Protein backbone atom coordinates (compact mmCIF):
# COMPACT_ATOMS: atom_id res chain seq x y z
CA MET A 1 19.80 42.13 18.53
CA ASP A 2 22.78 43.83 16.87
CA LYS A 3 24.43 40.85 15.36
CA VAL A 4 27.86 42.46 14.39
CA ALA A 5 28.05 44.04 17.94
CA SER A 6 27.24 40.43 19.35
CA LEU A 7 29.88 38.89 17.21
CA ARG A 8 32.53 41.51 18.31
CA ALA A 9 31.63 40.95 22.07
CA PHE A 10 31.82 37.10 21.51
CA VAL A 11 35.26 37.30 19.78
CA LYS A 12 36.69 39.56 22.27
CA VAL A 13 35.60 37.46 25.21
CA VAL A 14 37.09 34.29 23.53
CA GLU A 15 40.40 36.14 22.69
CA SER A 16 40.78 37.66 26.23
CA GLY A 17 39.19 34.75 28.29
CA SER A 18 37.27 37.40 30.28
CA PHE A 19 33.94 39.38 30.11
CA ALA A 20 35.46 42.12 32.06
CA GLU A 21 38.50 42.38 29.80
CA ALA A 22 36.42 42.19 26.77
CA GLY A 23 34.40 45.13 28.02
CA ARG A 24 37.55 47.26 28.54
CA GLN A 25 38.69 46.57 25.19
CA LEU A 26 35.45 47.33 23.62
CA ARG A 27 34.73 50.27 26.24
CA LEU A 28 31.55 48.51 27.27
CA SER A 29 30.27 47.46 30.66
CA ARG A 30 30.57 43.86 31.62
CA SER A 31 26.88 43.64 31.88
CA ALA A 32 26.66 44.89 28.25
CA ILE A 33 28.97 42.33 27.14
CA SER A 34 27.08 39.55 29.17
CA LYS A 35 23.83 40.67 27.28
CA TYR A 36 25.34 40.63 23.89
CA ILE A 37 26.45 36.92 24.54
CA ALA A 38 23.34 35.76 26.23
CA ASP A 39 21.25 37.28 23.11
CA LEU A 40 23.64 35.54 20.81
CA GLU A 41 23.35 32.15 22.44
CA GLU A 42 19.54 32.52 22.68
CA SER A 43 19.36 33.33 18.95
CA LEU A 44 21.49 30.22 18.17
CA GLY A 45 19.88 28.00 20.73
CA VAL A 46 23.36 26.74 21.92
CA GLN A 47 25.81 27.56 24.58
CA LEU A 48 28.84 29.03 23.14
CA LEU A 49 30.88 29.71 26.41
CA ASN A 50 31.90 27.96 29.63
CA ARG A 51 31.90 30.50 32.36
CA THR A 52 33.36 30.82 35.80
CA THR A 53 33.59 33.86 38.11
CA ARG A 54 37.00 34.98 36.62
CA HIS A 55 37.18 33.07 33.22
CA ALA A 56 35.38 32.35 30.09
CA SER A 57 36.30 29.69 27.41
CA PRO A 58 34.49 28.35 24.26
CA THR A 59 32.60 25.30 24.14
CA GLU A 60 33.21 23.00 21.15
CA ASN A 61 30.20 24.80 19.45
CA GLY A 62 31.69 28.15 20.55
CA GLN A 63 35.13 27.40 19.22
CA GLN A 64 33.65 26.68 15.76
CA TYR A 65 31.42 29.67 15.95
CA PHE A 66 34.45 31.74 16.98
CA GLU A 67 36.64 30.68 14.07
CA ARG A 68 33.94 31.70 11.52
CA ALA A 69 33.01 34.90 13.38
CA VAL A 70 36.85 36.08 13.06
CA VAL A 71 36.49 35.63 9.36
CA ILE A 72 33.00 37.46 9.16
CA LEU A 73 34.50 40.47 11.05
CA SER A 74 37.63 40.58 9.09
CA GLU A 75 35.35 40.69 5.96
CA ILE A 76 33.23 43.45 7.37
CA GLU A 77 36.29 45.58 8.33
CA ALA A 78 38.04 44.93 4.84
CA ALA A 79 34.79 45.82 2.95
CA ASP A 80 34.72 49.10 5.06
CA GLN A 81 38.29 49.77 4.23
CA ALA A 82 37.90 49.03 0.60
CA VAL A 83 35.45 51.73 0.14
CA THR A 84 37.14 54.50 2.42
CA GLN A 85 40.43 53.83 1.19
CA MET A 86 39.63 54.61 -2.44
CA GLN A 87 39.18 58.13 -1.29
CA SER A 88 42.20 58.59 0.92
CA ALA A 89 45.99 58.12 1.14
CA PRO A 90 47.55 55.29 3.05
CA ARG A 91 48.21 56.48 6.60
CA GLY A 92 49.06 54.92 10.04
CA LEU A 93 51.66 52.37 11.18
CA LEU A 94 53.00 49.78 8.87
CA ARG A 95 55.06 47.07 10.82
CA VAL A 96 57.60 45.04 8.59
CA ASN A 97 59.92 42.37 9.57
CA ALA A 98 62.79 41.38 7.07
CA PRO A 99 66.08 39.45 7.21
CA MET A 100 69.00 41.30 8.44
CA SER A 101 71.23 40.96 5.47
CA PHE A 102 68.31 41.76 2.89
CA GLY A 103 67.31 44.58 5.05
CA THR A 104 70.64 46.28 5.24
CA MET A 105 71.86 45.46 1.72
CA ARG A 106 68.79 45.90 -0.51
CA LEU A 107 65.73 47.09 1.38
CA GLY A 108 67.41 49.92 3.12
CA PRO A 109 68.57 51.73 0.09
CA VAL A 110 65.01 51.99 -1.34
CA LEU A 111 63.09 52.64 1.76
CA ALA A 112 63.38 56.42 1.23
CA ASP A 113 61.74 56.28 -1.98
CA PHE A 114 58.62 54.34 -0.43
CA MET A 115 58.59 56.91 2.33
CA GLU A 116 58.70 59.84 -0.18
CA LYS A 117 55.78 58.27 -2.06
CA TYR A 118 53.55 57.77 0.87
CA PRO A 119 54.52 60.43 3.55
CA GLU A 120 51.57 59.92 5.85
CA LEU A 121 52.60 56.42 6.66
CA GLN A 122 54.83 55.41 9.74
CA LEU A 123 57.19 52.59 8.85
CA GLN A 124 58.52 50.46 11.51
CA LEU A 125 61.09 47.97 10.20
CA VAL A 126 62.40 45.38 12.40
CA LEU A 127 65.32 43.34 11.02
CA SER A 128 65.93 39.82 12.43
CA ASP A 129 66.99 36.44 11.08
CA ASP A 130 64.86 34.60 13.67
CA LEU A 131 61.87 32.93 12.50
CA LEU A 132 59.07 35.39 13.92
CA ASP A 133 55.51 34.67 13.74
CA PRO A 134 53.89 37.39 11.59
CA VAL A 135 50.61 37.03 13.40
CA GLN A 136 51.71 36.69 16.91
CA ASP A 137 54.35 39.34 16.60
CA GLY A 138 52.20 41.69 15.19
CA PHE A 139 53.78 42.35 11.88
CA ASP A 140 51.60 43.61 8.86
CA VAL A 141 54.07 41.97 6.64
CA THR A 142 57.05 39.69 6.99
CA LEU A 143 59.76 39.30 4.40
CA ARG A 144 61.70 35.91 4.22
CA ILE A 145 64.26 34.37 2.14
CA ALA A 146 63.62 30.67 2.37
CA GLU A 147 61.75 27.64 1.42
CA LEU A 148 58.61 28.08 3.13
CA GLU A 149 56.91 25.54 5.36
CA SER A 150 53.12 24.84 5.06
CA SER A 151 50.99 27.22 7.06
CA SER A 152 47.74 29.31 7.06
CA LEU A 153 49.58 32.36 5.69
CA ILE A 154 49.76 33.70 2.23
CA ALA A 155 52.94 34.66 0.41
CA ARG A 156 53.64 36.62 -2.55
CA LYS A 157 56.93 35.48 -4.28
CA ILE A 158 58.76 38.57 -4.96
CA VAL A 159 61.93 37.18 -6.85
CA PRO A 160 64.03 34.06 -6.85
CA VAL A 161 67.36 34.20 -4.88
CA ALA A 162 70.22 32.07 -6.58
CA ARG A 163 72.86 30.35 -4.30
CA LEU A 164 76.57 29.94 -5.29
CA ILE A 165 79.24 27.51 -3.77
CA CYS A 166 82.17 29.86 -2.90
CA ALA A 167 85.60 29.93 -1.19
CA SER A 168 88.42 32.49 -1.00
CA PRO A 169 91.33 32.04 -3.59
CA ASP A 170 93.62 31.48 -0.69
CA TYR A 171 91.47 28.58 0.79
CA LEU A 172 91.31 26.85 -2.68
CA ALA A 173 95.19 27.35 -3.09
CA ARG A 174 95.71 25.54 0.17
CA HIS A 175 93.05 22.79 0.02
CA GLY A 176 92.32 22.39 -3.74
CA THR A 177 89.18 23.12 -5.65
CA PRO A 178 86.31 20.70 -5.62
CA GLN A 179 85.45 19.13 -8.93
CA HIS A 180 82.52 17.31 -7.92
CA PRO A 181 79.80 17.67 -5.00
CA GLN A 182 81.30 14.61 -3.37
CA ASP A 183 84.47 16.39 -2.94
CA LEU A 184 82.95 18.84 -0.56
CA ARG A 185 83.04 16.14 2.09
CA ASN A 186 86.81 16.79 2.37
CA HIS A 187 86.38 20.57 3.03
CA ALA A 188 85.42 22.54 5.80
CA SER A 189 82.02 24.14 5.34
CA LEU A 190 80.46 27.33 6.56
CA THR A 191 76.84 26.61 6.86
CA TYR A 192 73.49 28.46 7.35
CA GLY A 193 71.77 25.74 9.36
CA PHE A 194 68.41 27.34 9.61
CA LEU A 195 66.77 26.04 6.37
CA LEU A 196 64.33 23.38 6.05
CA THR A 197 67.30 21.09 4.80
CA GLY A 198 69.35 21.93 7.90
CA ASN A 199 73.16 21.58 7.24
CA GLN A 200 72.58 19.45 4.13
CA TRP A 201 73.33 20.91 0.80
CA LYS A 202 71.72 19.75 -2.44
CA LEU A 203 73.40 20.09 -5.66
CA THR A 204 71.81 19.24 -8.98
CA GLY A 205 74.04 18.63 -12.21
CA ALA A 206 73.66 16.59 -15.44
CA ASP A 207 74.47 13.58 -13.16
CA GLY A 208 71.55 14.04 -10.98
CA ASP A 209 70.89 15.20 -7.41
CA HIS A 210 73.64 15.05 -4.77
CA TRP A 211 72.79 15.57 -1.10
CA ILE A 212 76.13 16.42 0.90
CA GLN A 213 76.36 16.98 4.61
CA PRO A 214 79.89 18.45 4.80
CA ALA A 215 81.78 18.61 8.19
CA TRP A 216 81.10 22.19 9.23
CA SER A 217 83.26 24.42 11.31
CA LEU A 218 80.86 27.48 11.46
CA CYS A 219 76.94 27.38 11.63
CA VAL A 220 75.32 30.76 11.85
CA ASN A 221 71.98 32.40 10.95
CA ASN A 222 73.29 35.26 9.07
CA ALA A 223 74.78 34.99 5.51
CA GLU A 224 76.84 38.09 5.65
CA VAL A 225 78.83 36.41 8.55
CA LEU A 226 79.45 33.38 6.36
CA ARG A 227 80.71 35.61 3.64
CA ASP A 228 83.05 37.39 5.93
CA VAL A 229 84.53 34.15 7.30
CA ALA A 230 84.76 32.66 3.92
CA ILE A 231 86.68 35.63 2.67
CA ARG A 232 89.16 34.94 5.50
CA GLY A 233 89.78 31.49 4.03
CA ARG A 234 88.10 29.43 6.71
CA GLY A 235 86.01 27.28 4.54
CA VAL A 236 83.51 26.70 1.73
CA ALA A 237 80.11 28.48 1.80
CA LEU A 238 76.76 28.33 0.08
CA LEU A 239 75.83 31.85 -0.24
CA PRO A 240 72.92 33.73 -1.77
CA GLU A 241 74.25 35.46 -5.05
CA PHE A 242 73.32 38.92 -3.73
CA ILE A 243 75.49 38.56 -0.75
CA ALA A 244 78.30 37.05 -2.52
CA ALA A 245 78.31 39.31 -5.60
CA ASP A 246 80.52 42.10 -4.34
CA ALA A 247 83.24 39.97 -2.91
CA MET A 248 83.38 37.90 -6.27
CA ASN A 249 83.67 41.09 -8.25
CA LYS A 250 86.68 42.11 -6.01
CA GLY A 251 88.14 38.66 -6.40
CA GLU A 252 87.91 38.02 -2.67
CA LEU A 253 85.70 34.97 -3.33
CA ARG A 254 85.57 32.55 -6.20
CA ALA A 255 82.55 30.48 -7.30
CA MET A 256 83.03 26.63 -7.92
CA LEU A 257 80.99 23.71 -9.23
CA GLU A 258 79.41 25.99 -11.65
CA ASP A 259 77.91 23.08 -13.40
CA TYR A 260 75.82 22.13 -10.31
CA SER A 261 73.10 24.41 -8.88
CA ALA A 262 71.60 24.46 -5.45
CA PRO A 263 67.80 24.88 -5.40
CA PRO A 264 67.13 28.72 -5.51
CA LEU A 265 65.62 30.32 -2.50
CA ALA A 266 63.06 33.12 -3.10
CA LEU A 267 62.24 36.39 -1.37
CA TYR A 268 58.57 36.15 -0.08
CA ALA A 269 56.15 38.86 1.43
CA VAL A 270 54.00 36.93 3.86
CA TYR A 271 50.89 37.98 5.43
CA PRO A 272 47.69 36.52 7.06
CA PRO A 273 45.09 35.12 4.63
CA THR A 274 42.54 38.00 4.45
CA ARG A 275 40.55 38.30 1.29
CA HIS A 276 41.34 42.09 1.13
CA LEU A 277 44.76 43.48 2.02
CA SER A 278 44.70 46.78 3.83
CA LEU A 279 45.76 49.45 1.46
CA LYS A 280 49.25 50.08 3.26
CA VAL A 281 50.28 46.43 3.07
CA ARG A 282 49.12 46.18 -0.68
CA LEU A 283 51.19 49.27 -1.70
CA PHE A 284 54.16 48.13 0.11
CA ILE A 285 54.22 44.75 -1.45
CA ASP A 286 53.53 46.24 -4.84
CA PHE A 287 56.62 48.47 -4.29
CA LEU A 288 58.71 45.34 -3.50
CA VAL A 289 57.43 43.84 -6.64
CA GLU A 290 58.27 46.95 -8.74
CA ARG A 291 61.88 47.36 -7.31
CA PHE A 292 62.82 43.52 -6.91
CA GLY A 293 60.95 41.11 -9.01
CA ARG A 294 57.87 39.58 -10.07
CA ASP A 295 54.42 39.22 -8.47
CA GLU A 296 53.11 35.73 -7.43
CA GLU A 297 50.49 35.05 -4.79
CA THR A 298 50.11 31.72 -3.22
CA PRO A 299 49.26 29.91 0.09
CA VAL A 300 52.53 29.21 1.93
CA ARG A 301 53.60 25.68 1.35
CA GLN A 302 56.79 23.65 0.37
């Protein structure tokens, strides 16, 4: 029995739910797939699949075997790639997902350098502020500026992202400048409400932590929109420093409560937990580290 071929057939049947579909994807006949599964079950002495005329699903033993088989096949593929890629340049399609603001303001200006360095790669960049699933949506690497929730993914922290409390000089002239975090309760806030803390702001100073939930007049999932509305004097915003910096330099926004700090976010590169990264993913993440920050690999957790 070809054990690796049998594992591939079994994994495809579980993933597709069909012997016929597994055969189509592997370019094998349905009978060949059936024989691989039968040989595998006979060698193990257990039933791995529940079968009907149109559908196949794993038994309890089959589900456990499937989870381990996926890891084994991934390791085999990674071992093959590790050898062949040492002698070849990165090529093929690299799919990247990134936040809209970071993509346009920071990533876009340096992408041409990456493309020049690796001309045989095709780079597909999808900018979105939605929390897409890197695995389900088929991305090789996803960039996030966030506090990350626990998951089975791996993240490399590229660089911390500081945040500032900002408002326009016109707004502060009309409504006064807050002197303490509690004063924010009396101000209109412009919030990015898609973080783990929701619309709450945590500010820390010499007198400890302050959790503020100001009354908001705008909640949006894009910080450039918050910045633009803050410039027009419509409220107070908690903004990433890289988004607020230009407006502050021009005098369009003013930082306040500078003796207090919000917990910094970070730019992460997120990818599935394979022991051996593909060459194209590793080179892209190394490029980000070189351009933007530091390298710190860790399981995704709070």
